[in-house]
PDB file of N, CA and C in Angstrom:
ATOM      1  N   MET A   1      72.138 108.479 108.170  1.00  0.00           N
ATOM      2  CA  MET A   1      72.502 109.787 107.972  1.00  0.00           C
ATOM      3  C   MET A   1      73.867 110.259 108.651  1.00  0.00           C
ATOM      4  N   ASP A   2      73.550 110.417 109.898  1.00  0.00           N
ATOM      5  CA  ASP A   2      74.411 110.607 110.937  1.00  0.00           C
ATOM      6  C   ASP A   2      75.409 109.532 111.173  1.00  0.00           C
ATOM      7  N   THR A   3      75.218 108.244 111.104  1.00  0.00           N
ATOM      8  CA  THR A   3      75.973 107.390 111.123  1.00  0.00           C
ATOM      9  C   THR A   3      77.150 107.273 110.111  1.00  0.00           C
ATOM     10  N   LEU A   4      76.604 107.971 108.635  1.00  0.00           N
ATOM     11  CA  LEU A   4      77.717 107.737 107.647  1.00  0.00           C
ATOM     12  C   LEU A   4      78.312 108.836 108.077  1.00  0.00           C
ATOM     13  N   ARG A   5      77.989 109.899 108.626  1.00  0.00           N
ATOM     14  CA  ARG A   5      78.470 111.223 108.716  1.00  0.00           C
ATOM     15  C   ARG A   5      79.865 111.128 109.948  1.00  0.00           C
ATOM     16  N   HIS A   6      79.227 110.357 110.847  1.00  0.00           N
ATOM     17  CA  HIS A   6      80.536 109.826 111.948  1.00  0.00           C
ATOM     18  C   HIS A   6      81.488 109.429 111.500  1.00  0.00           C
ATOM     19  N   THR A   7      81.257 108.382 110.520  1.00  0.00           N
ATOM     20  CA  THR A   7      82.252 107.376 109.843  1.00  0.00           C
ATOM     21  C   THR A   7      82.909 108.166 108.896  1.00  0.00           C
ATOM     22  N   ILE A   8      82.687 109.147 108.348  1.00  0.00           N
ATOM     23  CA  ILE A   8      83.277 110.045 107.224  1.00  0.00           C
ATOM     24  C   ILE A   8      84.311 110.802 108.365  1.00  0.00           C
ATOM     25  N   TYR A   9      83.989 111.517 109.284  1.00  0.00           N
ATOM     26  CA  TYR A   9      84.420 112.017 110.467  1.00  0.00           C
ATOM     27  C   TYR A   9      85.473 111.449 110.830  1.00  0.00           C
ATOM     28  N   GLU A  10      85.254 110.378 111.402  1.00  0.00           N
ATOM     29  CA  GLU A  10      86.496 109.663 112.183  1.00  0.00           C
ATOM     30  C   GLU A  10      87.502 109.231 111.296  1.00  0.00           C
ATOM     31  N   LYS A  11      87.484 109.074 109.983  1.00  0.00           N
ATOM     32  CA  LYS A  11      88.166 108.800 108.655  1.00  0.00           C
ATOM     33  C   LYS A  11      88.779 109.829 108.518  1.00  0.00           C
ATOM     34  N   GLN A  12      88.101 111.214 108.527  1.00  0.00           N
ATOM     35  CA  GLN A  12      88.921 112.298 108.396  1.00  0.00           C
ATOM     36  C   GLN A  12      90.003 112.742 109.390  1.00  0.00           C
ATOM     37  N   LYS A  13      89.541 112.583 110.436  1.00  0.00           N
ATOM     38  CA  LYS A  13      90.305 112.517 111.627  1.00  0.00           C
ATOM     39  C   LYS A  13      91.747 111.683 111.772  1.00  0.00           C
ATOM     40  N   GLU A  14      91.391 110.406 111.341  1.00  0.00           N
ATOM     41  CA  GLU A  14      92.276 109.609 111.220  1.00  0.00           C
ATOM     42  C   GLU A  14      93.345 109.989 110.197  1.00  0.00           C
ATOM     43  N   PHE A  15      93.063 110.224 108.872  1.00  0.00           N
ATOM     44  CA  PHE A  15      93.796 110.923 107.818  1.00  0.00           C
ATOM     45  C   PHE A  15      94.696 112.264 108.221  1.00  0.00           C
ATOM     46  N   LEU A  16      94.086 113.078 108.874  1.00  0.00           N
ATOM     47  CA  LEU A  16      94.673 114.372 109.615  1.00  0.00           C
ATOM     48  C   LEU A  16      95.721 114.079 110.409  1.00  0.00           C
ATOM     49  N   THR A  17      95.471 113.323 111.753  1.00  0.00           N
ATOM     50  CA  THR A  17      96.459 112.660 112.531  1.00  0.00           C
ATOM     51  C   THR A  17      97.780 112.076 111.925  1.00  0.00           C
ATOM     52  N   TYR A  18      97.703 111.244 110.774  1.00  0.00           N
ATOM     53  CA  TYR A  18      98.697 111.047 109.688  1.00  0.00           C
ATOM     54  C   TYR A  18      99.385 112.165 109.157  1.00  0.00           C
ATOM     55  N   LEU A  19      98.510 112.912 108.326  1.00  0.00           N
ATOM     56  CA  LEU A  19      98.978 113.963 107.631  1.00  0.00           C
ATOM     57  C   LEU A  19      99.832 114.789 108.579  1.00  0.00           C
ATOM     58  N   VAL A  20      99.465 115.539 109.596  1.00  0.00           N
ATOM     59  CA  VAL A  20      99.951 116.135 110.871  1.00  0.00           C
ATOM     60  C   VAL A  20     101.494 115.793 110.924  1.00  0.00           C
ATOM     61  N   LEU A  21     101.418 114.639 111.452  1.00  0.00           N
ATOM     62  CA  LEU A  21     102.867 113.922 111.850  1.00  0.00           C
ATOM     63  C   LEU A  21     103.835 114.206 110.604  1.00  0.00           C
ATOM     64  N   VAL A  22     103.473 113.441 109.648  1.00  0.00           N
ATOM     65  CA  VAL A  22     104.248 113.414 108.460  1.00  0.00           C
ATOM     66  C   VAL A  22     104.625 114.870 107.844  1.00  0.00           C
ATOM     67  N   PHE A  23     103.820 115.850 107.710  1.00  0.00           N
ATOM     68  CA  PHE A  23     103.589 117.079 107.716  1.00  0.00           C
ATOM     69  C   PHE A  23     105.088 117.825 108.657  1.00  0.00           C
ATOM     70  N   GLN A  24     104.830 117.592 109.789  1.00  0.00           N
ATOM     71  CA  GLN A  24     106.161 118.116 110.506  1.00  0.00           C
ATOM     72  C   GLN A  24     106.933 117.781 110.347  1.00  0.00           C
ATOM     73  N   GLU A  25     107.075 116.304 110.259  1.00  0.00           N
ATOM     74  CA  GLU A  25     108.709 116.075 110.274  1.00  0.00           C
ATOM     75  C   GLU A  25     109.624 116.437 108.415  1.00  0.00           C
ATOM     76  N   HIS A  26     108.427 116.818 107.405  1.00  0.00           N
ATOM     77  CA  HIS A  26     109.137 117.601 106.419  1.00  0.00           C
ATOM     78  C   HIS A  26     109.305 118.905 106.613  1.00  0.00           C
ATOM     79  N   TYR A  27     108.602 119.503 107.712  1.00  0.00           N
ATOM     80  CA  TYR A  27     108.276 120.921 107.502  1.00  0.00           C
ATOM     81  C   TYR A  27     109.964 121.361 108.568  1.00  0.00           C
ATOM     82  N   ILE A  28     110.157 120.533 109.359  1.00  0.00           N
ATOM     83  CA  ILE A  28     111.042 120.530 110.216  1.00  0.00           C
ATOM     84  C   ILE A  28     112.402 120.526 109.548  1.00  0.00           C
ATOM     85  N   LYS A  29     112.362 119.275 108.331  1.00  0.00           N
ATOM     86  CA  LYS A  29     113.740 119.258 107.610  1.00  0.00           C
ATOM     87  C   LYS A  29     113.717 120.403 106.728  1.00  0.00           C
ATOM     88  N   ILE A  30     112.623 121.171 106.167  1.00  0.00           N
ATOM     89  CA  ILE A  30     112.667 121.881 105.252  1.00  0.00           C
ATOM     90  C   ILE A  30     113.400 123.046 105.748  1.00  0.00           C
ATOM     91  N   ILE A  31     112.733 123.650 106.721  1.00  0.00           N
ATOM     92  CA  ILE A  31     113.293 125.053 107.332  1.00  0.00           C
ATOM     93  C   ILE A  31     114.345 125.035 108.576  1.00  0.00           C
ATOM     94  N   ASP A  32     114.812 123.466 108.879  1.00  0.00           N
ATOM     95  CA  ASP A  32     116.084 123.271 109.805  1.00  0.00           C
ATOM     96  C   ASP A  32     115.683 123.750 111.087  1.00  0.00           C
ATOM     97  N   THR A  33     114.627 124.091 111.489  1.00  0.00           N
ATOM     98  CA  THR A  33     114.251 124.190 113.079  1.00  0.00           C
ATOM     99  C   THR A  33     113.203 123.887 113.505  1.00  0.00           C
ATOM    100  N   ARG A  34     112.658 123.890 114.713  1.00  0.00           N
ATOM    101  CA  ARG A  34     111.839 123.146 115.291  1.00  0.00           C
ATOM    102  C   ARG A  34     110.515 124.106 115.809  1.00  0.00           C
ATOM    103  N   GLU A  35     110.063 124.896 114.635  1.00  0.00           N
ATOM    104  CA  GLU A  35     108.981 125.756 114.636  1.00  0.00           C
ATOM    105  C   GLU A  35     107.849 125.115 114.752  1.00  0.00           C
ATOM    106  N   PRO A  36     107.195 125.477 116.002  1.00  0.00           N
ATOM    107  CA  PRO A  36     105.625 124.417 115.995  1.00  0.00           C
ATOM    108  C   PRO A  36     104.880 125.132 114.835  1.00  0.00           C
ATOM    109  N   SER A  37     104.143 124.018 114.128  1.00  0.00           N
ATOM    110  CA  SER A  37     103.347 123.730 113.252  1.00  0.00           C
ATOM    111  C   SER A  37     102.202 122.769 113.319  1.00  0.00           C
ATOM    112  N   ASN A  38     101.118 123.232 112.850  1.00  0.00           N
ATOM    113  CA  ASN A  38      99.843 122.151 112.969  1.00  0.00           C
ATOM    114  C   ASN A  38      99.015 122.405 112.067  1.00  0.00           C
ATOM    115  N   PHE A  39      97.994 121.599 112.010  1.00  0.00           N
ATOM    116  CA  PHE A  39      96.861 121.909 111.269  1.00  0.00           C
ATOM    117  C   PHE A  39      95.555 121.422 112.187  1.00  0.00           C
ATOM    118  N   ILE A  40      94.545 122.123 112.182  1.00  0.00           N
ATOM    119  CA  ILE A  40      93.223 122.187 112.948  1.00  0.00           C
ATOM    120  C   ILE A  40      92.145 121.837 112.080  1.00  0.00           C
ATOM    121  N   ASN A  41      91.185 120.679 112.447  1.00  0.00           N
ATOM    122  CA  ASN A  41      90.020 120.813 111.679  1.00  0.00           C
ATOM    123  C   ASN A  41      88.888 121.649 112.140  1.00  0.00           C
ATOM    124  N   ASN A  42      88.623 122.559 111.772  1.00  0.00           N
ATOM    125  CA  ASN A  42      87.328 123.207 112.110  1.00  0.00           C
ATOM    126  C   ASN A  42      86.197 122.563 111.557  1.00  0.00           C
ATOM    127  N   THR A  43      85.363 121.970 112.496  1.00  0.00           N
ATOM    128  CA  THR A  43      84.132 121.489 112.068  1.00  0.00           C
ATOM    129  C   THR A  43      83.393 121.543 112.929  1.00  0.00           C
ATOM    130  N   SER A  44      81.744 122.182 112.259  1.00  0.00           N
ATOM    131  CA  SER A  44      80.794 122.520 113.046  1.00  0.00           C
ATOM    132  C   SER A  44      80.189 121.330 113.406  1.00  0.00           C
ATOM    133  N   LEU A  45      80.190 120.445 113.198  1.00  0.00           N
ATOM    134  CA  LEU A  45      79.573 119.218 113.238  1.00  0.00           C
ATOM    135  C   LEU A  45      80.025 118.079 114.333  1.00  0.00           C
ATOM    136  N   LYS A  46      80.989 118.388 114.918  1.00  0.00           N
ATOM    137  CA  LYS A  46      82.039 117.507 115.613  1.00  0.00           C
ATOM    138  C   LYS A  46      81.168 117.135 117.160  1.00  0.00           C
ATOM    139  N   ASP A  47      80.574 117.997 117.661  1.00  0.00           N
ATOM    140  CA  ASP A  47      79.907 117.702 118.709  1.00  0.00           C
ATOM    141  C   ASP A  47      78.189 117.519 118.529  1.00  0.00           C
ATOM    142  N   THR A  48      77.648 117.807 117.575  1.00  0.00           N
ATOM    143  CA  THR A  48      76.202 117.934 117.219  1.00  0.00           C
ATOM    144  C   THR A  48      75.988 116.593 116.059  1.00  0.00           C
ATOM    145  N   SER A  49      74.772 116.727 116.000  1.00  0.00           N
ATOM    146  CA  SER A  49      74.353 115.824 115.208  1.00  0.00           C
ATOM    147  C   SER A  49      74.114 116.386 113.804  1.00  0.00           C
ATOM    148  N   LEU A  50      74.075 115.969 113.012  1.00  0.00           N
ATOM    149  CA  LEU A  50      73.819 116.335 111.467  1.00  0.00           C
ATOM    150  C   LEU A  50      72.531 117.187 111.359  1.00  0.00           C
ATOM    151  N   ARG A  51      71.515 116.574 112.130  1.00  0.00           N
ATOM    152  CA  ARG A  51      69.718 117.023 111.651  1.00  0.00           C
ATOM    153  C   ARG A  51      69.702 118.417 112.350  1.00  0.00           C
ATOM    154  N   GLU A  52      70.534 119.058 113.514  1.00  0.00           N
ATOM    155  CA  GLU A  52      70.251 120.372 113.980  1.00  0.00           C
ATOM    156  C   GLU A  52      70.609 121.335 113.310  1.00  0.00           C
ATOM    157  N   PRO A  53      72.059 121.319 112.513  1.00  0.00           N
ATOM    158  CA  PRO A  53      72.385 122.248 111.582  1.00  0.00           C
ATOM    159  C   PRO A  53      71.999 122.308 110.404  1.00  0.00           C
ATOM    160  N   LEU A  54      71.183 121.382 110.029  1.00  0.00           N
ATOM    161  CA  LEU A  54      70.564 121.230 108.667  1.00  0.00           C
ATOM    162  C   LEU A  54      69.115 121.788 108.539  1.00  0.00           C
ATOM    163  N   LEU A  55      68.322 121.556 110.036  1.00  0.00           N
ATOM    164  CA  LEU A  55      67.175 122.257 109.974  1.00  0.00           C
ATOM    165  C   LEU A  55      67.254 123.910 110.195  1.00  0.00           C
ATOM    166  N   SER A  56      68.328 124.270 111.363  1.00  0.00           N
ATOM    167  CA  SER A  56      68.287 125.597 111.301  1.00  0.00           C
ATOM    168  C   SER A  56      68.995 126.571 110.014  1.00  0.00           C
ATOM    169  N   ASN A  57      69.428 126.033 109.099  1.00  0.00           N
ATOM    170  CA  ASN A  57      69.817 126.317 107.738  1.00  0.00           C
ATOM    171  C   ASN A  57      69.015 126.033 106.582  1.00  0.00           C
ATOM    172  N   TRP A  58      68.255 125.290 106.729  1.00  0.00           N
ATOM    173  CA  TRP A  58      67.533 124.768 105.463  1.00  0.00           C
ATOM    174  C   TRP A  58      66.801 125.905 104.404  1.00  0.00           C
ATOM    175  N   GLN A  59      66.778 127.120 105.333  1.00  0.00           N
ATOM    176  CA  GLN A  59      65.972 128.133 104.336  1.00  0.00           C
ATOM    177  C   GLN A  59      67.161 128.647 103.065  1.00  0.00           C
ATOM    178  N   LYS A  60      68.077 128.894 103.913  1.00  0.00           N
ATOM    179  CA  LYS A  60      69.186 129.485 103.444  1.00  0.00           C
ATOM    180  C   LYS A  60      69.728 128.590 102.235  1.00  0.00           C
ATOM    181  N   ASP A  61      69.855 127.299 102.680  1.00  0.00           N
ATOM    182  CA  ASP A  61      70.457 126.295 101.794  1.00  0.00           C
ATOM    183  C   ASP A  61      69.455 126.147 100.598  1.00  0.00           C
ATOM    184  N   PHE A  62      68.048 125.931 100.676  1.00  0.00           N
ATOM    185  CA  PHE A  62      67.257 125.981  99.871  1.00  0.00           C
ATOM    186  C   PHE A  62      67.338 126.961  98.683  1.00  0.00           C
ATOM    187  N   SER A  63      67.385 128.549  99.358  1.00  0.00           N
ATOM    188  CA  SER A  63      67.275 129.508  98.458  1.00  0.00           C
ATOM    189  C   SER A  63      68.699 129.512  97.313  1.00  0.00           C
ATOM    190  N   LEU A  64      69.757 129.234  98.246  1.00  0.00           N
ATOM    191  CA  LEU A  64      71.103 129.141  97.577  1.00  0.00           C
ATOM    192  C   LEU A  64      71.152 127.757  96.379  1.00  0.00           C
ATOM    193  N   GLN A  65      70.746 126.974  96.941  1.00  0.00           N
ATOM    194  CA  GLN A  65      70.803 125.507  96.057  1.00  0.00           C
ATOM    195  C   GLN A  65      71.933 125.048  96.585  1.00  0.00           C
ATOM    196  N   TYR A  66      72.869 124.672  97.602  1.00  0.00           N
ATOM    197  CA  TYR A  66      73.725 124.195  98.187  1.00  0.00           C
ATOM    198  C   TYR A  66      73.676 124.308  99.891  1.00  0.00           C
ATOM    199  N   THR A  67      74.294 123.344 100.332  1.00  0.00           N
ATOM    200  CA  THR A  67      74.172 123.418 101.967  1.00  0.00           C
ATOM    201  C   THR A  67      75.546 123.861 102.544  1.00  0.00           C
ATOM    202  N   PHE A  68      75.316 124.581 103.406  1.00  0.00           N
ATOM    203  CA  PHE A  68      76.213 125.421 104.260  1.00  0.00           C
ATOM    204  C   PHE A  68      77.059 124.602 105.202  1.00  0.00           C
ATOM    205  N   VAL A  69      76.207 123.727 105.616  1.00  0.00           N
ATOM    206  CA  VAL A  69      76.714 123.114 107.136  1.00  0.00           C
ATOM    207  C   VAL A  69      76.797 121.354 106.681  1.00  0.00           C
ATOM    208  N   ASP A  70      78.119 120.695 106.792  1.00  0.00           N
ATOM    209  CA  ASP A  70      78.180 119.255 106.555  1.00  0.00           C
ATOM    210  C   ASP A  70      79.495 119.018 106.468  1.00  0.00           C
ATOM    211  N   ILE A  71      79.724 117.750 106.578  1.00  0.00           N
ATOM    212  CA  ILE A  71      81.184 117.070 106.699  1.00  0.00           C
ATOM    213  C   ILE A  71      82.087 117.851 105.724  1.00  0.00           C
ATOM    214  N   HIS A  72      81.281 118.145 104.419  1.00  0.00           N
ATOM    215  CA  HIS A  72      82.260 118.615 103.320  1.00  0.00           C
ATOM    216  C   HIS A  72      82.585 120.211 103.342  1.00  0.00           C
ATOM    217  N   LYS A  73      81.757 120.655 104.527  1.00  0.00           N
ATOM    218  CA  LYS A  73      82.160 121.885 104.738  1.00  0.00           C
ATOM    219  C   LYS A  73      83.357 122.380 105.745  1.00  0.00           C
ATOM    220  N   ASP A  74      84.051 121.399 106.005  1.00  0.00           N
ATOM    221  CA  ASP A  74      85.064 121.421 107.155  1.00  0.00           C
ATOM    222  C   ASP A  74      86.147 122.150 106.595  1.00  0.00           C
ATOM    223  N   ASP A  75      87.110 123.031 107.305  1.00  0.00           N
ATOM    224  CA  ASP A  75      87.878 123.721 106.744  1.00  0.00           C
ATOM    225  C   ASP A  75      89.240 123.243 107.816  1.00  0.00           C
ATOM    226  N   LEU A  76      90.255 123.452 107.177  1.00  0.00           N
ATOM    227  CA  LEU A  76      91.497 123.175 107.803  1.00  0.00           C
ATOM    228  C   LEU A  76      92.337 124.569 108.066  1.00  0.00           C
ATOM    229  N   GLU A  77      92.554 124.724 109.371  1.00  0.00           N
ATOM    230  CA  GLU A  77      93.084 125.664 110.099  1.00  0.00           C
ATOM    231  C   GLU A  77      94.815 125.318 110.156  1.00  0.00           C
ATOM    232  N   LEU A  78      95.470 126.298 109.329  1.00  0.00           N
ATOM    233  CA  LEU A  78      96.737 126.261 109.090  1.00  0.00           C
ATOM    234  C   LEU A  78      97.646 126.850 110.269  1.00  0.00           C
ATOM    235  N   LEU A  79      98.475 126.532 111.100  1.00  0.00           N
ATOM    236  CA  LEU A  79      99.004 127.412 112.059  1.00  0.00           C
ATOM    237  C   LEU A  79     100.503 127.343 112.214  1.00  0.00           C
ATOM    238  N   ILE A  80     101.350 128.303 112.589  1.00  0.00           N
ATOM    239  CA  ILE A  80     102.618 128.183 112.637  1.00  0.00           C
ATOM    240  C   ILE A  80     102.847 128.992 114.156  1.00  0.00           C
ATOM    241  N   GLN A  81     103.470 128.293 115.037  1.00  0.00           N
ATOM    242  CA  GLN A  81     103.373 128.831 116.524  1.00  0.00           C
ATOM    243  C   GLN A  81     101.832 129.411 116.946  1.00  0.00           C
ATOM    244  N   GLY A  82     100.867 128.628 116.744  1.00  0.00           N
ATOM    245  CA  GLY A  82      99.844 128.760 117.270  1.00  0.00           C
ATOM    246  C   GLY A  82      98.996 129.732 116.580  1.00  0.00           C
ATOM    247  N   LYS A  83      99.566 130.524 115.351  1.00  0.00           N
ATOM    248  CA  LYS A  83      98.817 131.871 114.706  1.00  0.00           C
ATOM    249  C   LYS A  83      98.594 131.242 113.176  1.00  0.00           C
ATOM    250  N   PRO A  84      97.586 131.935 112.533  1.00  0.00           N
ATOM    251  CA  PRO A  84      97.116 131.502 111.314  1.00  0.00           C
ATOM    252  C   PRO A  84      98.369 131.524 110.310  1.00  0.00           C
ATOM    253  N   VAL A  85      98.698 130.936 109.342  1.00  0.00           N
ATOM    254  CA  VAL A  85      99.619 130.967 108.039  1.00  0.00           C
ATOM    255  C   VAL A  85      99.000 131.959 107.528  1.00  0.00           C
ATOM    256  N   LYS A  86      98.109 132.227 107.024  1.00  0.00           N
ATOM    257  CA  LYS A  86      97.700 132.713 105.892  1.00  0.00           C
ATOM    258  C   LYS A  86      97.556 134.451 106.262  1.00  0.00           C
ATOM    259  N   ILE A  87      97.727 134.514 107.681  1.00  0.00           N
ATOM    260  CA  ILE A  87      97.443 136.111 108.149  1.00  0.00           C
ATOM    261  C   ILE A  87      98.994 136.628 108.740  1.00  0.00           C
ATOM    262  N   LEU A  88      99.514 135.613 109.629  1.00  0.00           N
ATOM    263  CA  LEU A  88     100.704 136.098 110.280  1.00  0.00           C
ATOM    264  C   LEU A  88     102.258 135.589 109.487  1.00  0.00           C
ATOM    265  N   GLY A  89     101.979 134.440 108.509  1.00  0.00           N
ATOM    266  CA  GLY A  89     103.022 133.768 108.025  1.00  0.00           C
ATOM    267  C   GLY A  89     103.675 134.413 107.331  1.00  0.00           C
ATOM    268  N   LEU A  90     105.289 134.631 107.010  1.00  0.00           N
ATOM    269  CA  LEU A  90     105.916 135.450 105.793  1.00  0.00           C
ATOM    270  C   LEU A  90     105.452 134.669 104.591  1.00  0.00           C
ATOM    271  N   GLN A  91     105.939 135.314 103.484  1.00  0.00           N
ATOM    272  CA  GLN A  91     105.580 134.714 101.993  1.00  0.00           C
ATOM    273  C   GLN A  91     106.501 133.356 102.210  1.00  0.00           C
ATOM    274  N   GLY A  92     107.645 133.291 103.027  1.00  0.00           N
ATOM    275  CA  GLY A  92     108.462 131.960 102.719  1.00  0.00           C
ATOM    276  C   GLY A  92     108.067 131.090 103.567  1.00  0.00           C
ATOM    277  N   GLN A  93     107.381 131.272 104.827  1.00  0.00           N
ATOM    278  CA  GLN A  93     107.007 130.436 105.353  1.00  0.00           C
ATOM    279  C   GLN A  93     105.827 129.830 104.981  1.00  0.00           C
ATOM    280  N   GLN A  94     104.839 130.421 104.441  1.00  0.00           N
ATOM    281  CA  GLN A  94     103.665 130.253 103.488  1.00  0.00           C
ATOM    282  C   GLN A  94     104.471 129.257 102.479  1.00  0.00           C
ATOM    283  N   LYS A  95     105.188 129.282 101.941  1.00  0.00           N
ATOM    284  CA  LYS A  95     105.863 128.311 100.827  1.00  0.00           C
ATOM    285  C   LYS A  95     106.330 127.202 101.225  1.00  0.00           C
ATOM    286  N   HIS A  96     107.187 127.405 102.446  1.00  0.00           N
ATOM    287  CA  HIS A  96     107.725 126.290 103.257  1.00  0.00           C
ATOM    288  C   HIS A  96     106.421 125.354 103.829  1.00  0.00           C
ATOM    289  N   PHE A  97     105.311 125.925 104.224  1.00  0.00           N
ATOM    290  CA  PHE A  97     104.225 124.955 104.526  1.00  0.00           C
ATOM    291  C   PHE A  97     103.625 124.240 103.489  1.00  0.00           C
ATOM    292  N   LEU A  98     103.374 125.008 102.569  1.00  0.00           N
ATOM    293  CA  LEU A  98     102.850 124.204 101.302  1.00  0.00           C
ATOM    294  C   LEU A  98     103.483 123.342 100.765  1.00  0.00           C
ATOM    295  N   ILE A  99     105.015 123.292 100.667  1.00  0.00           N
ATOM    296  CA  ILE A  99     105.695 122.001 100.091  1.00  0.00           C
ATOM    297  C   ILE A  99     105.619 121.187 101.035  1.00  0.00           C
ATOM    298  N   ALA A 100     105.772 121.276 102.297  1.00  0.00           N
ATOM    299  CA  ALA A 100     105.743 120.220 103.471  1.00  0.00           C
ATOM    300  C   ALA A 100     104.371 119.613 103.588  1.00  0.00           C
ATOM    301  N   GLN A 101     103.354 120.322 103.335  1.00  0.00           N
ATOM    302  CA  GLN A 101     101.596 119.678 102.912  1.00  0.00           C
ATOM    303  C   GLN A 101     102.205 118.567 101.927  1.00  0.00           C
ATOM    304  N   LYS A 102     102.076 119.015 100.566  1.00  0.00           N
ATOM    305  CA  LYS A 102     102.436 118.445  99.497  1.00  0.00           C
ATOM    306  C   LYS A 102     103.132 117.370  99.839  1.00  0.00           C
ATOM    307  N   LEU A 103     104.286 117.259 100.336  1.00  0.00           N
ATOM    308  CA  LEU A 103     105.163 116.059 100.611  1.00  0.00           C
ATOM    309  C   LEU A 103     104.428 114.854 101.399  1.00  0.00           C
ATOM    310  N   ALA A 104     103.774 115.616 102.274  1.00  0.00           N
ATOM    311  CA  ALA A 104     102.919 114.770 103.344  1.00  0.00           C
ATOM    312  C   ALA A 104     101.530 114.029 102.741  1.00  0.00           C
ATOM    313  N   GLN A 105     100.855 114.794 101.722  1.00  0.00           N
ATOM    314  CA  GLN A 105     100.063 114.354 100.948  1.00  0.00           C
ATOM    315  C   GLN A 105     100.760 113.228 100.486  1.00  0.00           C
ATOM    316  N   PHE A 106     101.763 113.269  99.222  1.00  0.00           N
ATOM    317  CA  PHE A 106     102.270 112.491  98.630  1.00  0.00           C
ATOM    318  C   PHE A 106     103.026 111.256  99.371  1.00  0.00           C
ATOM    319  N   ASN A 107     103.150 111.132 100.735  1.00  0.00           N
ATOM    320  CA  ASN A 107     103.384 110.211 101.324  1.00  0.00           C
ATOM    321  C   ASN A 107     102.379 109.211 101.854  1.00  0.00           C
ATOM    322  N   PHE A 108     101.337 109.814 102.130  1.00  0.00           N
ATOM    323  CA  PHE A 108     100.133 109.223 102.434  1.00  0.00           C
ATOM    324  C   PHE A 108      99.654 108.528 101.111  1.00  0.00           C
ATOM    325  N   ILE A 109      99.703 109.272 100.172  1.00  0.00           N
ATOM    326  CA  ILE A 109      99.155 108.338  98.855  1.00  0.00           C
ATOM    327  C   ILE A 109     100.031 107.307  98.730  1.00  0.00           C
ATOM    328  N   LYS A 110     101.179 107.603  98.474  1.00  0.00           N
ATOM    329  CA  LYS A 110     102.322 106.582  98.043  1.00  0.00           C
ATOM    330  C   LYS A 110     102.360 105.285  99.298  1.00  0.00           C
ATOM    331  N   LYS A 111     101.747 105.710 100.547  1.00  0.00           N
ATOM    332  CA  LYS A 111     101.817 104.549 101.479  1.00  0.00           C
ATOM    333  C   LYS A 111     100.320 103.623 101.528  1.00  0.00           C
ATOM    334  N   ASN A 112      99.430 104.442 101.133  1.00  0.00           N
ATOM    335  CA  ASN A 112      98.335 103.685 100.837  1.00  0.00           C
ATOM    336  C   ASN A 112      97.920 102.924  99.408  1.00  0.00           C
ATOM    337  N   LEU A 113      98.891 103.383  98.510  1.00  0.00           N
ATOM    338  CA  LEU A 113      98.743 102.835  96.959  1.00  0.00           C
ATOM    339  C   LEU A 113      99.845 101.662  96.853  1.00  0.00           C
ATOM    340  N   ASP A 114     100.839 102.015  97.822  1.00  0.00           N
ATOM    341  CA  ASP A 114     102.168 100.885  97.657  1.00  0.00           C
ATOM    342  C   ASP A 114     102.766 101.203  96.015  1.00  0.00           C
ATOM    343  N   SER A 115     102.511 102.196  95.703  1.00  0.00           N
ATOM    344  CA  SER A 115     103.173 102.893  94.290  1.00  0.00           C
ATOM    345  C   SER A 115     103.146 104.124  94.194  1.00  0.00           C
ATOM    346  N   ILE A 116     103.762 104.866  93.553  1.00  0.00           N
ATOM    347  CA  ILE A 116     104.123 106.562  93.283  1.00  0.00           C
ATOM    348  C   ILE A 116     102.878 106.801  92.011  1.00  0.00           C
ATOM    349  N   PRO A 117     101.979 107.711  92.452  1.00  0.00           N
ATOM    350  CA  PRO A 117     101.051 107.832  91.489  1.00  0.00           C
ATOM    351  C   PRO A 117     101.785 108.665  90.159  1.00  0.00           C
ATOM    352  N   SER A 118     101.233 108.059  89.048  1.00  0.00           N
ATOM    353  CA  SER A 118     101.655 108.843  87.724  1.00  0.00           C
ATOM    354  C   SER A 118     101.663 110.503  87.647  1.00  0.00           C
ATOM    355  N   SER A 119     100.542 110.941  88.476  1.00  0.00           N
ATOM    356  CA  SER A 119     101.036 112.157  88.462  1.00  0.00           C
ATOM    357  C   SER A 119     101.739 113.116  88.852  1.00  0.00           C
ATOM    358  N   TYR A 120     102.777 112.490  90.083  1.00  0.00           N
ATOM    359  CA  TYR A 120     103.791 112.735  90.652  1.00  0.00           C
ATOM    360  C   TYR A 120     105.143 113.028  89.927  1.00  0.00           C
ATOM    361  N   TYR A 121     105.267 112.136  88.880  1.00  0.00           N
ATOM    362  CA  TYR A 121     106.377 111.731  87.822  1.00  0.00           C
ATOM    363  C   TYR A 121     106.677 113.326  87.310  1.00  0.00           C
ATOM    364  N   PRO A 122     107.900 113.862  87.470  1.00  0.00           N
ATOM    365  CA  PRO A 122     108.253 114.978  86.677  1.00  0.00           C
ATOM    366  C   PRO A 122     108.144 114.694  85.315  1.00  0.00           C
ATOM    367  N   THR A 123     107.541 115.571  84.390  1.00  0.00           N
ATOM    368  CA  THR A 123     107.265 115.450  82.907  1.00  0.00           C
ATOM    369  C   THR A 123     108.321 115.214  82.427  1.00  0.00           C
ATOM    370  N   PHE A 124     109.445 115.370  82.529  1.00  0.00           N
ATOM    371  CA  PHE A 124     110.713 114.970  81.775  1.00  0.00           C
ATOM    372  C   PHE A 124     110.945 113.593  81.877  1.00  0.00           C
ATOM    373  N   LEU A 125     110.407 112.798  82.912  1.00  0.00           N
ATOM    374  CA  LEU A 125     110.867 111.742  83.045  1.00  0.00           C
ATOM    375  C   LEU A 125     109.729 110.514  82.310  1.00  0.00           C
ATOM    376  N   THR A 126     108.741 111.141  82.108  1.00  0.00           N
ATOM    377  CA  THR A 126     107.406 110.092  81.133  1.00  0.00           C
ATOM    378  C   THR A 126     107.640 110.640  79.553  1.00  0.00           C
ATOM    379  N   ASN A 127     108.647 111.404  79.155  1.00  0.00           N
ATOM    380  CA  ASN A 127     108.721 111.563  77.827  1.00  0.00           C
ATOM    381  C   ASN A 127     109.626 110.645  77.185  1.00  0.00           C
TER     382      ASN A 127
END
């Protein structure tokens, strides 16, 4: 189980490295300035094995019928100038951040599928 989690974590890290680079390119184009922006993957399992957190939380997990610790519970912290976007970002900055993030995700899908997913076509083009 630990090797599988580690494999998933490494793939996730690889994906986020690519996503951050492409995101930053789009974000700079959208806002037309070099405002530092970044994603940080907050994982509780980066430096520990899966066994320790699962054992320490098993009673809580069992009573609530789902796990609180694992690779699927990782959070992305979205930062502008080193500060959380959701707390200190203005509404416009939050929207620019979201648009750049969606464009980066689109580029990742397009690159890995070698085509544009049909869900990304505007509806007026498909009718």
